[in-house]
Amino acid sequence: MSTFVIFGGQHLIANIIILVAAIGFPVLVKRYASNRVKNVSAMLMGATLATSKIAEMAYGLNQGYPFQYMLPLHLCDVAAFTTAIMLFNRNFVLYGVSYFWALAGTLQALVTPALDQAYPHPDFLFFFGTHGLVIVGVVFATVVFPMRPRSRSILH
C-alpha cells in the first residue's frame, strides 16, 4: 500500500467526490423524490454512517490498533453518531450540533486529514467515507427537510 499524500491526487479526488455528493444528492432528492423516498434516503444514510463508524472501530481492533485509538473521542466520531441519529429522527438539537460540528470540525478534517494510508486501504475508505457522509447528511437535512440552525443552536 502507498502512503497518503496531503493535497495529492487521491486527496483532491476524494474531496471532489464528497463535494459533488453533498450538493448533487440533496438537490436531486429534493427536486424529484417523494416524501417516502426522502425519509428512506435519510434513514439509509444514517444507518450507513453508524454502521461504517462501528465497522471502522471493529476493523481497528482486529488490526491491533491501540484501544484508546479506537474510542470515539474525536469530534468527528461523535459528529458521525449525532448526524446518524439526527437523520433517523430529525431532532433539531442534534441537527444544530451536527451542523456546527460538520462545518467546524469535519470540513477541517477533510482539508487536513490525519491519515497515513492511501487508497484503497480501509483506513482511507473509512476516513473519507464517514467524514463525507457527515457532510452529505447535514447538507441533506438542510436542503431536503429543510432544517436550519436556530440562534440558540450554538448553545447546544
Protein backbone atom coordinates (compact mmCIF):
# COMPACT_ATOMS: atom_id res chain seq x y z
CA MET A 1 0.00 0.00 0.00
CA SER A 2 1.13 3.51 -0.69
CA THR A 3 1.39 6.43 1.70
CA PHE A 4 -1.30 9.11 1.70
CA VAL A 5 -0.13 12.47 0.35
CA ILE A 6 -1.98 15.51 1.63
CA PHE A 7 -3.24 17.66 -1.28
CA GLY A 8 -2.21 14.87 -3.65
CA GLY A 9 -4.41 13.43 -6.36
CA GLN A 10 -6.27 10.96 -4.13
CA HIS A 11 -6.96 13.62 -1.53
CA LEU A 12 -8.34 16.04 -4.11
CA ILE A 13 -10.42 13.39 -5.89
CA ALA A 14 -11.94 12.19 -2.60
CA ASN A 15 -12.90 15.75 -1.64
CA ILE A 16 -14.34 16.46 -5.10
CA ILE A 17 -16.50 13.32 -4.85
CA ILE A 18 -17.72 14.42 -1.42
CA LEU A 19 -18.46 17.94 -2.72
CA VAL A 20 -20.42 16.61 -5.71
CA ALA A 21 -22.36 14.21 -3.47
CA ALA A 22 -23.06 16.90 -0.86
CA ILE A 23 -24.53 19.22 -3.48
CA GLY A 24 -25.95 16.82 -6.05
CA PHE A 25 -27.66 14.18 -3.93
CA PRO A 26 -29.73 16.53 -1.73
CA VAL A 27 -30.75 18.69 -4.71
CA LEU A 28 -31.84 15.66 -6.75
CA VAL A 29 -33.76 14.12 -3.85
CA LYS A 30 -35.49 17.41 -3.00
CA ARG A 31 -36.49 18.02 -6.60
CA TYR A 32 -37.53 14.55 -7.76
CA ALA A 33 -38.23 12.29 -4.79
CA SER A 34 -41.45 11.63 -2.92
CA ASN A 35 -41.65 12.20 0.84
CA ARG A 36 -41.31 8.46 1.38
CA VAL A 37 -38.10 8.32 -0.67
CA LYS A 38 -36.75 11.36 1.21
CA ASN A 39 -37.38 9.66 4.55
CA VAL A 40 -35.92 6.33 3.42
CA SER A 41 -32.86 8.10 1.97
CA ALA A 42 -32.23 9.85 5.29
CA MET A 43 -32.59 6.62 7.25
CA LEU A 44 -30.30 4.71 4.87
CA MET A 45 -27.68 7.45 5.14
CA GLY A 46 -27.94 7.41 8.93
CA ALA A 47 -27.69 3.61 9.05
CA THR A 48 -24.74 3.62 6.67
CA LEU A 49 -22.96 6.27 8.71
CA ALA A 50 -23.44 4.47 12.04
CA THR A 51 -22.57 1.08 10.57
CA SER A 52 -19.46 2.47 8.91
CA LYS A 53 -18.25 4.03 12.15
CA ILE A 54 -18.83 0.80 14.10
CA ALA A 55 -17.13 -1.23 11.34
CA GLU A 56 -14.16 1.16 11.44
CA MET A 57 -13.74 0.58 15.17
CA ALA A 58 -14.06 -3.20 14.77
CA TYR A 59 -11.53 -3.16 11.93
CA GLY A 60 -9.08 -1.17 14.03
CA LEU A 61 -9.36 -3.55 16.96
CA ASN A 62 -8.95 -6.51 14.61
CA GLN A 63 -5.80 -4.94 13.16
CA GLY A 64 -4.32 -4.48 16.63
CA TYR A 65 -4.62 -0.70 16.77
CA PRO A 66 -4.34 0.56 20.36
CA PHE A 67 -7.69 0.51 22.15
CA GLN A 68 -7.53 4.21 23.00
CA TYR A 69 -7.17 4.92 19.26
CA MET A 70 -10.49 3.18 18.62
CA LEU A 71 -12.51 5.03 21.26
CA PRO A 72 -14.87 7.51 19.62
CA LEU A 73 -13.28 10.52 21.28
CA HIS A 74 -12.60 12.66 18.25
CA LEU A 75 -15.12 15.35 17.39
CA CYS A 76 -15.78 13.74 14.02
CA ASP A 77 -16.52 10.37 15.64
CA VAL A 78 -19.20 11.94 17.81
CA ALA A 79 -20.43 14.04 14.87
CA ALA A 80 -20.89 10.83 12.86
CA PHE A 81 -23.17 9.35 15.50
CA THR A 82 -25.11 12.59 16.14
CA THR A 83 -25.61 13.01 12.39
CA ALA A 84 -26.77 9.40 12.03
CA ILE A 85 -29.29 9.78 14.86
CA MET A 86 -30.43 13.16 13.52
CA LEU A 87 -31.08 11.62 10.09
CA PHE A 88 -33.28 8.99 11.75
CA ASN A 89 -35.41 11.25 13.92
CA ARG A 90 -34.74 14.81 12.66
CA ASN A 91 -34.09 16.12 16.15
CA PHE A 92 -33.36 19.87 15.96
CA VAL A 93 -30.89 19.81 18.88
CA LEU A 94 -28.86 17.06 17.19
CA TYR A 95 -29.18 18.88 13.88
CA GLY A 96 -27.68 22.04 15.38
CA VAL A 97 -24.84 20.11 16.97
CA SER A 98 -24.18 18.14 13.77
CA TYR A 99 -24.39 21.27 11.63
CA PHE A 100 -21.79 23.21 13.57
CA TRP A 101 -19.51 20.21 14.13
CA ALA A 102 -19.68 19.33 10.43
CA LEU A 103 -18.83 22.87 9.39
CA ALA A 104 -16.15 23.41 12.03
CA GLY A 105 -14.54 20.02 12.53
CA THR A 106 -15.41 17.66 9.73
CA LEU A 107 -14.64 20.10 6.92
CA GLN A 108 -11.30 20.85 8.54
CA ALA A 109 -10.56 17.13 8.83
CA LEU A 110 -11.29 16.68 5.13
CA VAL A 111 -8.97 19.54 4.18
CA THR A 112 -6.14 18.47 6.50
CA PRO A 113 -6.60 14.75 7.19
CA ALA A 114 -4.51 12.90 9.75
CA LEU A 115 -4.14 9.85 7.55
CA ASP A 116 -1.18 7.62 6.69
CA GLN A 117 -2.62 5.16 4.18
CA ALA A 118 -3.68 5.89 0.61
CA TYR A 119 -6.50 4.39 -1.45
CA PRO A 120 -7.60 1.53 -1.37
CA HIS A 121 -6.53 0.95 2.24
CA PRO A 122 -9.51 0.58 4.62
CA ASP A 123 -8.26 3.50 6.76
CA PHE A 124 -8.57 5.77 3.71
CA LEU A 125 -12.02 4.44 2.82
CA PHE A 126 -13.32 4.70 6.39
CA PHE A 127 -11.89 8.19 6.84
CA PHE A 128 -13.30 9.75 3.69
CA GLY A 129 -16.48 7.66 3.77
CA THR A 130 -17.55 8.61 7.29
CA HIS A 131 -16.37 12.21 7.13
CA GLY A 132 -18.02 12.62 3.74
CA LEU A 133 -21.31 11.16 4.97
CA VAL A 134 -21.37 13.61 7.88
CA ILE A 135 -21.15 16.49 5.42
CA VAL A 136 -23.66 14.96 2.99
CA GLY A 137 -26.04 14.15 5.86
CA VAL A 138 -26.04 17.68 7.27
CA VAL A 139 -26.46 19.24 3.82
CA PHE A 140 -29.21 16.71 3.08
CA ALA A 141 -31.13 17.65 6.24
CA THR A 142 -30.67 21.34 5.47
CA VAL A 143 -31.82 21.12 1.85
CA VAL A 144 -34.39 18.32 1.86
CA PHE A 145 -36.29 18.58 5.12
CA PRO A 146 -35.48 21.74 5.44
CA MET A 147 -33.83 22.08 8.80
CA ARG A 148 -31.98 25.25 9.73
CA PRO A 149 -29.77 26.11 12.66
CA ARG A 150 -31.52 28.39 15.12
CA SER A 151 -29.88 31.21 17.06
CA ARG A 152 -29.92 29.06 20.20
CA SER A 153 -28.39 26.10 18.33
CA ILE A 154 -24.93 27.43 19.02
CA LEU A 155 -25.54 26.92 22.76
CA HIS A 156 -26.01 23.18 22.30
